[in-house]
């Protein structure tokens, strides 16, 4: 589960709805305070995540000269189903990301955790990747299926989803740390309850079965970086580092960032992202 310490939205960050050929998506956006953007970054959250996961990054990326768009994926929080007769399969979520990029122009694509899985699939499923993607950054995502400890938790969740409504599972997921502000706990509870059950099920199943697609990704020629907070349990760090080497990708380890370095070490993530974006402009 993604982690959040604050839901305060800076004045420079706007809440918007993005209409695409595949439906309407809730998003946050921030733009450079002066001058034309040096590029656009599209940020895709992970399992049970949302655009709020990226609030610590948005002002800094905008101040560095980039237009930034962070979304709720289909089935998440304020996006909901996005369109009639929705499908939450990973390939359909990837098609959503492609549709968003078609509207925004060439983008630096950043996917966190399961959002990295979806983002990688979006690049692989794009007919002309170089016309759509300026770059791809995988943030705390590994090459294939999740580690054994996370596998056990996902299997328990899948069992629970067969018989229990999503909101009724919240007591088992509520943060144990008493230092989490109550308004954040209330937000996390509300966000969890809005997850589409089918979206959770398909995401969990995919994270248990995802193959290594590194060779196919490298063949696209899209500049790629791997930014990885440690310590990390969902995808072990050695696997992520090996994936970066196979991809010929820039690799940045962010110690103390854990699974959500965007929350715990945002300045380090901003530095890693902007340095990479600048290098491929």
C-alpha atoms as a PDB file:
ATOM      1  CA  UNK A   1       0.000   0.000   0.000  1.00  0.00           C
ATOM      2  CA  UNK A   2       1.258   3.479  -0.826  1.00  0.00           C
ATOM      3  CA  UNK A   3       2.130   5.651   2.142  1.00  0.00           C
ATOM      4  CA  UNK A   4       1.190   9.277   2.791  1.00  0.00           C
ATOM      5  CA  UNK A   5       2.223  11.642   5.570  1.00  0.00           C
ATOM      6  CA  UNK A   6       0.159  14.689   4.561  1.00  0.00           C
ATOM      7  CA  UNK A   7      -2.730  15.504   2.249  1.00  0.00           C
ATOM      8  CA  UNK A   8      -2.141  19.264   2.270  1.00  0.00           C
ATOM      9  CA  UNK A   9      -2.251  20.515  -1.324  1.00  0.00           C
ATOM     10  CA  UNK A  10       0.173  23.374  -2.104  1.00  0.00           C
ATOM     11  CA  UNK A  11      -1.300  26.474  -3.700  1.00  0.00           C
ATOM     12  CA  UNK A  12       0.701  25.796  -6.861  1.00  0.00           C
ATOM     13  CA  UNK A  13      -1.049  22.446  -7.398  1.00  0.00           C
ATOM     14  CA  UNK A  14      -4.441  22.405  -9.131  1.00  0.00           C
ATOM     15  CA  UNK A  15      -7.053  19.648  -9.093  1.00  0.00           C
ATOM     16  CA  UNK A  16      -8.377  18.945 -12.605  1.00  0.00           C
ATOM     17  CA  UNK A  17     -10.364  16.413 -14.647  1.00  0.00           C
ATOM     18  CA  UNK A  18      -8.716  15.201 -17.842  1.00  0.00           C
ATOM     19  CA  UNK A  19     -11.012  14.137 -20.683  1.00  0.00           C
ATOM     20  CA  UNK A  20      -9.438  11.577 -23.001  1.00  0.00           C
ATOM     21  CA  UNK A  21     -10.578   9.190 -25.707  1.00  0.00           C
ATOM     22  CA  UNK A  22     -10.832   6.525 -22.998  1.00  0.00           C
ATOM     23  CA  UNK A  23     -12.690   8.499 -20.354  1.00  0.00           C
ATOM     24  CA  UNK A  24     -12.187  11.125 -17.672  1.00  0.00           C
ATOM     25  CA  UNK A  25      -9.391  10.951 -15.121  1.00  0.00           C
ATOM     26  CA  UNK A  26      -8.900  12.861 -11.865  1.00  0.00           C
ATOM     27  CA  UNK A  27      -5.510  14.550 -11.683  1.00  0.00           C
ATOM     28  CA  UNK A  28      -3.305  17.101  -9.986  1.00  0.00           C
ATOM     29  CA  UNK A  29      -1.238  19.406 -12.153  1.00  0.00           C
ATOM     30  CA  UNK A  30       1.506  21.924 -11.520  1.00  0.00           C
ATOM     31  CA  UNK A  31       3.264  24.174 -14.009  1.00  0.00           C
ATOM     32  CA  UNK A  32       6.514  26.151 -13.948  1.00  0.00           C
ATOM     33  CA  UNK A  33       6.072  29.558 -12.311  1.00  0.00           C
ATOM     34  CA  UNK A  34       7.896  31.336 -15.153  1.00  0.00           C
ATOM     35  CA  UNK A  35       8.403  30.524 -18.814  1.00  0.00           C
ATOM     36  CA  UNK A  36       7.419  27.656 -21.046  1.00  0.00           C
ATOM     37  CA  UNK A  37       7.778  24.131 -19.644  1.00  0.00           C
ATOM     38  CA  UNK A  38      10.937  22.202 -20.478  1.00  0.00           C
ATOM     39  CA  UNK A  39       8.766  19.113 -20.828  1.00  0.00           C
ATOM     40  CA  UNK A  40       5.818  17.277 -19.312  1.00  0.00           C
ATOM     41  CA  UNK A  41       5.940  14.527 -16.694  1.00  0.00           C
ATOM     42  CA  UNK A  42       3.048  12.088 -16.225  1.00  0.00           C
ATOM     43  CA  UNK A  43       3.035  10.359 -12.821  1.00  0.00           C
ATOM     44  CA  UNK A  44       1.159   7.051 -12.390  1.00  0.00           C
ATOM     45  CA  UNK A  45       0.452   5.747  -8.852  1.00  0.00           C
ATOM     46  CA  UNK A  46       0.658   2.183  -7.663  1.00  0.00           C
ATOM     47  CA  UNK A  47      -1.614  -0.392  -6.071  1.00  0.00           C
ATOM     48  CA  UNK A  48      -4.295   1.316  -3.973  1.00  0.00           C
ATOM     49  CA  UNK A  49      -2.519   4.587  -4.676  1.00  0.00           C
ATOM     50  CA  UNK A  50      -3.666   7.937  -5.997  1.00  0.00           C
ATOM     51  CA  UNK A  51      -2.412  11.282  -7.239  1.00  0.00           C
ATOM     52  CA  UNK A  52      -1.953  12.364  -3.620  1.00  0.00           C
ATOM     53  CA  UNK A  53       1.079  10.056  -3.398  1.00  0.00           C
ATOM     54  CA  UNK A  54       2.951  12.567  -5.545  1.00  0.00           C
ATOM     55  CA  UNK A  55       2.040  15.783  -3.695  1.00  0.00           C
ATOM     56  CA  UNK A  56       5.556  16.071  -2.206  1.00  0.00           C
ATOM     57  CA  UNK A  57       7.049  16.011  -5.725  1.00  0.00           C
ATOM     58  CA  UNK A  58       4.786  18.311  -7.715  1.00  0.00           C
ATOM     59  CA  UNK A  59       5.941  21.791  -6.608  1.00  0.00           C
ATOM     60  CA  UNK A  60       9.634  20.910  -6.902  1.00  0.00           C
ATOM     61  CA  UNK A  61       9.290  19.374 -10.350  1.00  0.00           C
ATOM     62  CA  UNK A  62       7.343  22.426 -11.514  1.00  0.00           C
ATOM     63  CA  UNK A  63       9.940  24.785 -10.065  1.00  0.00           C
ATOM     64  CA  UNK A  64      12.576  22.847 -12.005  1.00  0.00           C
ATOM     65  CA  UNK A  65      10.734  23.798 -15.199  1.00  0.00           C
ATOM     66  CA  UNK A  66       8.466  20.823 -15.854  1.00  0.00           C
ATOM     67  CA  UNK A  67       4.725  20.648 -16.284  1.00  0.00           C
ATOM     68  CA  UNK A  68       3.615  17.780 -14.046  1.00  0.00           C
ATOM     69  CA  UNK A  69       0.425  15.714 -14.139  1.00  0.00           C
ATOM     70  CA  UNK A  70      -0.325  13.095 -11.471  1.00  0.00           C
ATOM     71  CA  UNK A  71      -3.396  10.905 -11.955  1.00  0.00           C
ATOM     72  CA  UNK A  72      -5.719   8.494 -10.225  1.00  0.00           C
ATOM     73  CA  UNK A  73      -5.779   5.381 -12.389  1.00  0.00           C
ATOM     74  CA  UNK A  74      -9.046   3.836 -13.530  1.00  0.00           C
ATOM     75  CA  UNK A  75     -10.651   2.182 -10.498  1.00  0.00           C
ATOM     76  CA  UNK A  76      -8.850   4.444  -8.013  1.00  0.00           C
ATOM     77  CA  UNK A  77     -10.130   7.166  -5.703  1.00  0.00           C
ATOM     78  CA  UNK A  78     -11.616  10.148  -7.625  1.00  0.00           C
ATOM     79  CA  UNK A  79     -11.306   8.689 -11.129  1.00  0.00           C
ATOM     80  CA  UNK A  80     -13.593   5.735 -10.436  1.00  0.00           C
ATOM     81  CA  UNK A  81     -14.633   3.776 -13.540  1.00  0.00           C
ATOM     82  CA  UNK A  82     -13.595   6.661 -15.887  1.00  0.00           C
ATOM     83  CA  UNK A  83     -15.991   5.506 -18.597  1.00  0.00           C
ATOM     84  CA  UNK A  84     -18.914   3.186 -19.270  1.00  0.00           C
ATOM     85  CA  UNK A  85     -18.260  -0.569 -19.192  1.00  0.00           C
ATOM     86  CA  UNK A  86     -14.761  -0.193 -17.701  1.00  0.00           C
ATOM     87  CA  UNK A  87     -12.098  -2.869 -17.772  1.00  0.00           C
ATOM     88  CA  UNK A  88      -9.375  -2.860 -15.142  1.00  0.00           C
ATOM     89  CA  UNK A  89      -7.014  -5.332 -16.806  1.00  0.00           C
ATOM     90  CA  UNK A  90      -3.389  -4.119 -16.887  1.00  0.00           C
ATOM     91  CA  UNK A  91      -3.496  -3.783 -20.678  1.00  0.00           C
ATOM     92  CA  UNK A  92      -6.518  -1.502 -20.434  1.00  0.00           C
ATOM     93  CA  UNK A  93      -4.865   0.616 -17.746  1.00  0.00           C
ATOM     94  CA  UNK A  94      -1.864   0.895 -20.052  1.00  0.00           C
ATOM     95  CA  UNK A  95      -4.186   2.060 -22.831  1.00  0.00           C
ATOM     96  CA  UNK A  96      -5.476   4.747 -20.461  1.00  0.00           C
ATOM     97  CA  UNK A  97      -1.927   6.008 -19.922  1.00  0.00           C
ATOM     98  CA  UNK A  98      -1.331   6.041 -23.684  1.00  0.00           C
ATOM     99  CA  UNK A  99      -4.534   8.073 -24.159  1.00  0.00           C
ATOM    100  CA  UNK A 100      -3.410  10.569 -21.523  1.00  0.00           C
ATOM    101  CA  UNK A 101      -0.040  10.949 -23.230  1.00  0.00           C
ATOM    102  CA  UNK A 102      -1.791  11.520 -26.569  1.00  0.00           C
ATOM    103  CA  UNK A 103      -3.608  14.451 -24.976  1.00  0.00           C
ATOM    104  CA  UNK A 104      -0.613  15.890 -23.107  1.00  0.00           C
ATOM    105  CA  UNK A 105       2.014  15.538 -25.817  1.00  0.00           C
ATOM    106  CA  UNK A 106       5.294  13.616 -25.443  1.00  0.00           C
ATOM    107  CA  UNK A 107       5.789  12.894 -21.754  1.00  0.00           C
ATOM    108  CA  UNK A 108       8.369  11.749 -19.275  1.00  0.00           C
ATOM    109  CA  UNK A 109       6.447   8.788 -17.851  1.00  0.00           C
ATOM    110  CA  UNK A 110       6.958   7.929 -14.175  1.00  0.00           C
ATOM    111  CA  UNK A 111       5.313   4.843 -12.667  1.00  0.00           C
ATOM    112  CA  UNK A 112       5.425   3.997  -8.968  1.00  0.00           C
ATOM    113  CA  UNK A 113       5.195   0.341  -7.885  1.00  0.00           C
ATOM    114  CA  UNK A 114       2.223  -1.242  -9.736  1.00  0.00           C
ATOM    115  CA  UNK A 115       2.091   2.023 -11.664  1.00  0.00           C
ATOM    116  CA  UNK A 116       5.553   1.078 -12.941  1.00  0.00           C
ATOM    117  CA  UNK A 117       4.169  -2.216 -14.217  1.00  0.00           C
ATOM    118  CA  UNK A 118       1.366  -0.366 -16.023  1.00  0.00           C
ATOM    119  CA  UNK A 119       3.745   2.292 -17.352  1.00  0.00           C
ATOM    120  CA  UNK A 120       6.155  -0.280 -18.733  1.00  0.00           C
ATOM    121  CA  UNK A 121       3.241  -1.997 -20.472  1.00  0.00           C
ATOM    122  CA  UNK A 122       2.103   1.352 -21.895  1.00  0.00           C
ATOM    123  CA  UNK A 123       5.525   1.908 -23.483  1.00  0.00           C
ATOM    124  CA  UNK A 124       5.568  -1.640 -24.853  1.00  0.00           C
ATOM    125  CA  UNK A 125       2.042  -1.314 -26.275  1.00  0.00           C
ATOM    126  CA  UNK A 126       2.625   2.016 -28.040  1.00  0.00           C
ATOM    127  CA  UNK A 127       2.985   1.607 -31.828  1.00  0.00           C
ATOM    128  CA  UNK A 128       5.553   4.436 -32.133  1.00  0.00           C
ATOM    129  CA  UNK A 129       7.072   4.790 -28.639  1.00  0.00           C
ATOM    130  CA  UNK A 130       9.550   7.517 -29.564  1.00  0.00           C
ATOM    131  CA  UNK A 131       6.694   9.796 -30.671  1.00  0.00           C
ATOM    132  CA  UNK A 132       4.876   9.415 -27.340  1.00  0.00           C
ATOM    133  CA  UNK A 133       7.444   8.947 -24.579  1.00  0.00           C
ATOM    134  CA  UNK A 134      10.332  11.281 -23.823  1.00  0.00           C
ATOM    135  CA  UNK A 135      11.505   8.835 -21.159  1.00  0.00           C
ATOM    136  CA  UNK A 136      10.354   6.199 -18.664  1.00  0.00           C
ATOM    137  CA  UNK A 137      11.191   6.102 -14.950  1.00  0.00           C
ATOM    138  CA  UNK A 138      10.366   3.043 -12.867  1.00  0.00           C
ATOM    139  CA  UNK A 139      10.004   4.105  -9.219  1.00  0.00           C
ATOM    140  CA  UNK A 140      10.272   1.198  -6.758  1.00  0.00           C
ATOM    141  CA  UNK A 141       9.279  -1.359  -9.338  1.00  0.00           C
ATOM    142  CA  UNK A 142      11.220  -4.538 -10.024  1.00  0.00           C
ATOM    143  CA  UNK A 143      11.614  -6.633 -13.141  1.00  0.00           C
ATOM    144  CA  UNK A 144       8.895  -9.220 -12.573  1.00  0.00           C
ATOM    145  CA  UNK A 145       6.610 -10.645  -9.872  1.00  0.00           C
ATOM    146  CA  UNK A 146       6.741  -9.402  -6.270  1.00  0.00           C
ATOM    147  CA  UNK A 147       8.872 -10.865  -3.484  1.00  0.00           C
ATOM    148  CA  UNK A 148       7.657 -13.815  -1.441  1.00  0.00           C
ATOM    149  CA  UNK A 149       6.618 -11.782   1.617  1.00  0.00           C
ATOM    150  CA  UNK A 150       4.447  -9.501  -0.511  1.00  0.00           C
ATOM    151  CA  UNK A 151       3.122 -12.506  -2.429  1.00  0.00           C
ATOM    152  CA  UNK A 152       1.706 -13.938   0.795  1.00  0.00           C
ATOM    153  CA  UNK A 153      -0.068 -10.684   1.634  1.00  0.00           C
ATOM    154  CA  UNK A 154      -1.540 -10.350  -1.848  1.00  0.00           C
ATOM    155  CA  UNK A 155      -2.822 -13.924  -1.731  1.00  0.00           C
ATOM    156  CA  UNK A 156      -4.520 -13.182   1.595  1.00  0.00           C
ATOM    157  CA  UNK A 157      -6.096 -10.080   0.082  1.00  0.00           C
ATOM    158  CA  UNK A 158      -7.372 -12.026  -2.924  1.00  0.00           C
ATOM    159  CA  UNK A 159      -8.974 -14.568  -0.610  1.00  0.00           C
ATOM    160  CA  UNK A 160     -10.623 -11.780   1.391  1.00  0.00           C
ATOM    161  CA  UNK A 161     -11.945  -9.994  -1.699  1.00  0.00           C
ATOM    162  CA  UNK A 162     -13.909 -13.106  -2.672  1.00  0.00           C
ATOM    163  CA  UNK A 163     -16.186 -12.771   0.350  1.00  0.00           C
ATOM    164  CA  UNK A 164     -15.728  -9.322   1.898  1.00  0.00           C
ATOM    165  CA  UNK A 165     -16.694  -5.858   0.584  1.00  0.00           C
ATOM    166  CA  UNK A 166     -13.713  -3.573   0.081  1.00  0.00           C
ATOM    167  CA  UNK A 167     -14.678  -1.034   2.817  1.00  0.00           C
ATOM    168  CA  UNK A 168     -14.989  -3.836   5.401  1.00  0.00           C
ATOM    169  CA  UNK A 169     -11.319  -4.735   4.928  1.00  0.00           C
ATOM    170  CA  UNK A 170     -10.081  -1.343   6.134  1.00  0.00           C
ATOM    171  CA  UNK A 171      -9.624  -2.336   9.830  1.00  0.00           C
ATOM    172  CA  UNK A 172      -7.018  -4.875   8.678  1.00  0.00           C
ATOM    173  CA  UNK A 173      -5.167  -2.261   6.609  1.00  0.00           C
ATOM    174  CA  UNK A 174      -5.323   0.776   8.870  1.00  0.00           C
ATOM    175  CA  UNK A 175      -1.825   2.138   9.667  1.00  0.00           C
ATOM    176  CA  UNK A 176      -0.521   0.876  12.990  1.00  0.00           C
ATOM    177  CA  UNK A 177       1.750   3.882  13.503  1.00  0.00           C
ATOM    178  CA  UNK A 178       0.015   6.249  15.903  1.00  0.00           C
ATOM    179  CA  UNK A 179       2.061   9.114  14.466  1.00  0.00           C
ATOM    180  CA  UNK A 180      -0.033   9.230  11.276  1.00  0.00           C
ATOM    181  CA  UNK A 181      -2.313  12.302  11.509  1.00  0.00           C
ATOM    182  CA  UNK A 182      -5.995  11.493  11.877  1.00  0.00           C
ATOM    183  CA  UNK A 183      -6.922  13.465   8.751  1.00  0.00           C
ATOM    184  CA  UNK A 184      -4.505  11.297   6.775  1.00  0.00           C
ATOM    185  CA  UNK A 185      -5.977   8.117   8.266  1.00  0.00           C
ATOM    186  CA  UNK A 186      -9.454   9.360   7.320  1.00  0.00           C
ATOM    187  CA  UNK A 187      -8.266  10.061   3.786  1.00  0.00           C
ATOM    188  CA  UNK A 188      -6.649   6.625   3.482  1.00  0.00           C
ATOM    189  CA  UNK A 189      -9.855   4.975   4.695  1.00  0.00           C
ATOM    190  CA  UNK A 190     -11.951   6.901   2.166  1.00  0.00           C
ATOM    191  CA  UNK A 191      -9.501   6.198  -0.645  1.00  0.00           C
ATOM    192  CA  UNK A 192      -9.415   2.488   0.158  1.00  0.00           C
ATOM    193  CA  UNK A 193     -13.221   2.254   0.179  1.00  0.00           C
ATOM    194  CA  UNK A 194     -13.408   3.780  -3.314  1.00  0.00           C
ATOM    195  CA  UNK A 195     -11.181   1.163  -4.930  1.00  0.00           C
ATOM    196  CA  UNK A 196     -13.035  -0.899  -7.515  1.00  0.00           C
ATOM    197  CA  UNK A 197     -12.865  -4.516  -6.269  1.00  0.00           C
ATOM    198  CA  UNK A 198     -12.116  -5.784  -9.764  1.00  0.00           C
ATOM    199  CA  UNK A 199      -9.238  -3.324 -10.103  1.00  0.00           C
ATOM    200  CA  UNK A 200      -7.716  -4.559  -6.849  1.00  0.00           C
ATOM    201  CA  UNK A 201      -8.169  -8.194  -7.851  1.00  0.00           C
ATOM    202  CA  UNK A 202      -6.613  -7.852 -11.291  1.00  0.00           C
ATOM    203  CA  UNK A 203      -3.717  -5.763 -10.001  1.00  0.00           C
ATOM    204  CA  UNK A 204      -2.928  -8.287  -7.259  1.00  0.00           C
ATOM    205  CA  UNK A 205      -3.095 -11.178  -9.709  1.00  0.00           C
ATOM    206  CA  UNK A 206      -0.788  -9.399 -12.154  1.00  0.00           C
ATOM    207  CA  UNK A 207       1.786  -8.553  -9.499  1.00  0.00           C
ATOM    208  CA  UNK A 208       1.856 -12.257  -8.588  1.00  0.00           C
ATOM    209  CA  UNK A 209       2.389 -13.346 -12.201  1.00  0.00           C
ATOM    210  CA  UNK A 210       4.209 -10.495 -13.984  1.00  0.00           C
ATOM    211  CA  UNK A 211       7.024 -11.750 -16.252  1.00  0.00           C
ATOM    212  CA  UNK A 212      10.321  -9.984 -16.797  1.00  0.00           C
ATOM    213  CA  UNK A 213       9.827  -7.731 -19.836  1.00  0.00           C
ATOM    214  CA  UNK A 214      13.212  -6.004 -19.615  1.00  0.00           C
ATOM    215  CA  UNK A 215      14.507  -7.275 -22.960  1.00  0.00           C
ATOM    216  CA  UNK A 216      11.401  -6.040 -24.776  1.00  0.00           C
ATOM    217  CA  UNK A 217      11.584  -2.675 -23.025  1.00  0.00           C
ATOM    218  CA  UNK A 218      15.227  -2.186 -23.962  1.00  0.00           C
ATOM    219  CA  UNK A 219      14.386  -2.828 -27.610  1.00  0.00           C
ATOM    220  CA  UNK A 220      12.023   0.178 -27.635  1.00  0.00           C
ATOM    221  CA  UNK A 221      15.019   2.493 -27.276  1.00  0.00           C
ATOM    222  CA  UNK A 222      13.131   4.737 -24.813  1.00  0.00           C
ATOM    223  CA  UNK A 223      15.541   6.342 -22.308  1.00  0.00           C
ATOM    224  CA  UNK A 224      14.872   4.670 -18.978  1.00  0.00           C
ATOM    225  CA  UNK A 225      15.814   5.235 -15.369  1.00  0.00           C
ATOM    226  CA  UNK A 226      15.195   3.232 -12.209  1.00  0.00           C
ATOM    227  CA  UNK A 227      14.753   5.155  -8.962  1.00  0.00           C
ATOM    228  CA  UNK A 228      14.594   2.850  -5.964  1.00  0.00           C
ATOM    229  CA  UNK A 229      13.976   3.629  -2.307  1.00  0.00           C
ATOM    230  CA  UNK A 230      15.449   1.280   0.274  1.00  0.00           C
ATOM    231  CA  UNK A 231      14.847  -0.705   2.399  1.00  0.00           C
ATOM    232  CA  UNK A 232      12.232  -2.338   0.171  1.00  0.00           C
ATOM    233  CA  UNK A 233      10.221  -5.544   0.566  1.00  0.00           C
ATOM    234  CA  UNK A 234       7.839  -5.527  -2.401  1.00  0.00           C
ATOM    235  CA  UNK A 235      10.558  -5.855  -5.049  1.00  0.00           C
ATOM    236  CA  UNK A 236      14.036  -6.693  -3.693  1.00  0.00           C
ATOM    237  CA  UNK A 237      16.699  -4.081  -4.438  1.00  0.00           C
ATOM    238  CA  UNK A 238      19.178  -6.490  -6.094  1.00  0.00           C
ATOM    239  CA  UNK A 239      16.550  -7.401  -8.703  1.00  0.00           C
ATOM    240  CA  UNK A 240      15.833  -3.757  -9.459  1.00  0.00           C
ATOM    241  CA  UNK A 241      19.541  -2.980  -9.816  1.00  0.00           C
ATOM    242  CA  UNK A 242      19.987  -5.964 -12.148  1.00  0.00           C
ATOM    243  CA  UNK A 243      16.994  -4.780 -14.196  1.00  0.00           C
ATOM    244  CA  UNK A 244      18.600  -1.346 -14.560  1.00  0.00           C
ATOM    245  CA  UNK A 245      21.816  -2.919 -15.797  1.00  0.00           C
ATOM    246  CA  UNK A 246      19.956  -5.037 -18.360  1.00  0.00           C
ATOM    247  CA  UNK A 247      18.059  -1.973 -19.552  1.00  0.00           C
ATOM    248  CA  UNK A 248      21.186   0.178 -19.716  1.00  0.00           C
ATOM    249  CA  UNK A 249      19.219   2.497 -17.431  1.00  0.00           C
ATOM    250  CA  UNK A 250      20.346   5.142 -14.982  1.00  0.00           C
ATOM    251  CA  UNK A 251      19.995   3.693 -11.467  1.00  0.00           C
ATOM    252  CA  UNK A 252      19.481   5.780  -8.337  1.00  0.00           C
ATOM    253  CA  UNK A 253      19.168   4.197  -4.889  1.00  0.00           C
ATOM    254  CA  UNK A 254      17.492   6.422  -2.308  1.00  0.00           C
ATOM    255  CA  UNK A 255      18.384   5.150   1.137  1.00  0.00           C
ATOM    256  CA  UNK A 256      15.693   5.692   3.740  1.00  0.00           C
ATOM    257  CA  UNK A 257      13.036   6.120   1.075  1.00  0.00           C
ATOM    258  CA  UNK A 258      11.503   2.687   1.577  1.00  0.00           C
ATOM    259  CA  UNK A 259       8.732   1.701  -0.809  1.00  0.00           C
ATOM    260  CA  UNK A 260       7.591   5.330  -1.086  1.00  0.00           C
ATOM    261  CA  UNK A 261      10.664   7.540  -1.535  1.00  0.00           C
ATOM    262  CA  UNK A 262       8.326  10.081  -3.148  1.00  0.00           C
ATOM    263  CA  UNK A 263       6.911  10.565   0.369  1.00  0.00           C
ATOM    264  CA  UNK A 264       9.907   9.964   2.636  1.00  0.00           C
ATOM    265  CA  UNK A 265      12.724  11.442   0.531  1.00  0.00           C
ATOM    266  CA  UNK A 266      10.990  13.701  -2.006  1.00  0.00           C
ATOM    267  CA  UNK A 267      13.949  16.042  -2.562  1.00  0.00           C
ATOM    268  CA  UNK A 268      16.152  13.107  -3.544  1.00  0.00           C
ATOM    269  CA  UNK A 269      13.483  11.848  -5.954  1.00  0.00           C
ATOM    270  CA  UNK A 270      13.063  15.315  -7.485  1.00  0.00           C
ATOM    271  CA  UNK A 271      16.819  15.545  -7.999  1.00  0.00           C
ATOM    272  CA  UNK A 272      16.932  12.085  -9.600  1.00  0.00           C
ATOM    273  CA  UNK A 273      13.988  12.793 -11.895  1.00  0.00           C
ATOM    274  CA  UNK A 274      15.000  16.262 -13.039  1.00  0.00           C
ATOM    275  CA  UNK A 275      18.594  15.197 -13.599  1.00  0.00           C
ATOM    276  CA  UNK A 276      17.384  12.353 -15.769  1.00  0.00           C
ATOM    277  CA  UNK A 277      14.785  14.440 -17.623  1.00  0.00           C
ATOM    278  CA  UNK A 278      17.398  17.103 -18.351  1.00  0.00           C
ATOM    279  CA  UNK A 279      19.802  14.480 -19.699  1.00  0.00           C
ATOM    280  CA  UNK A 280      17.341  13.247 -22.352  1.00  0.00           C
ATOM    281  CA  UNK A 281      15.768  16.540 -23.431  1.00  0.00           C
END
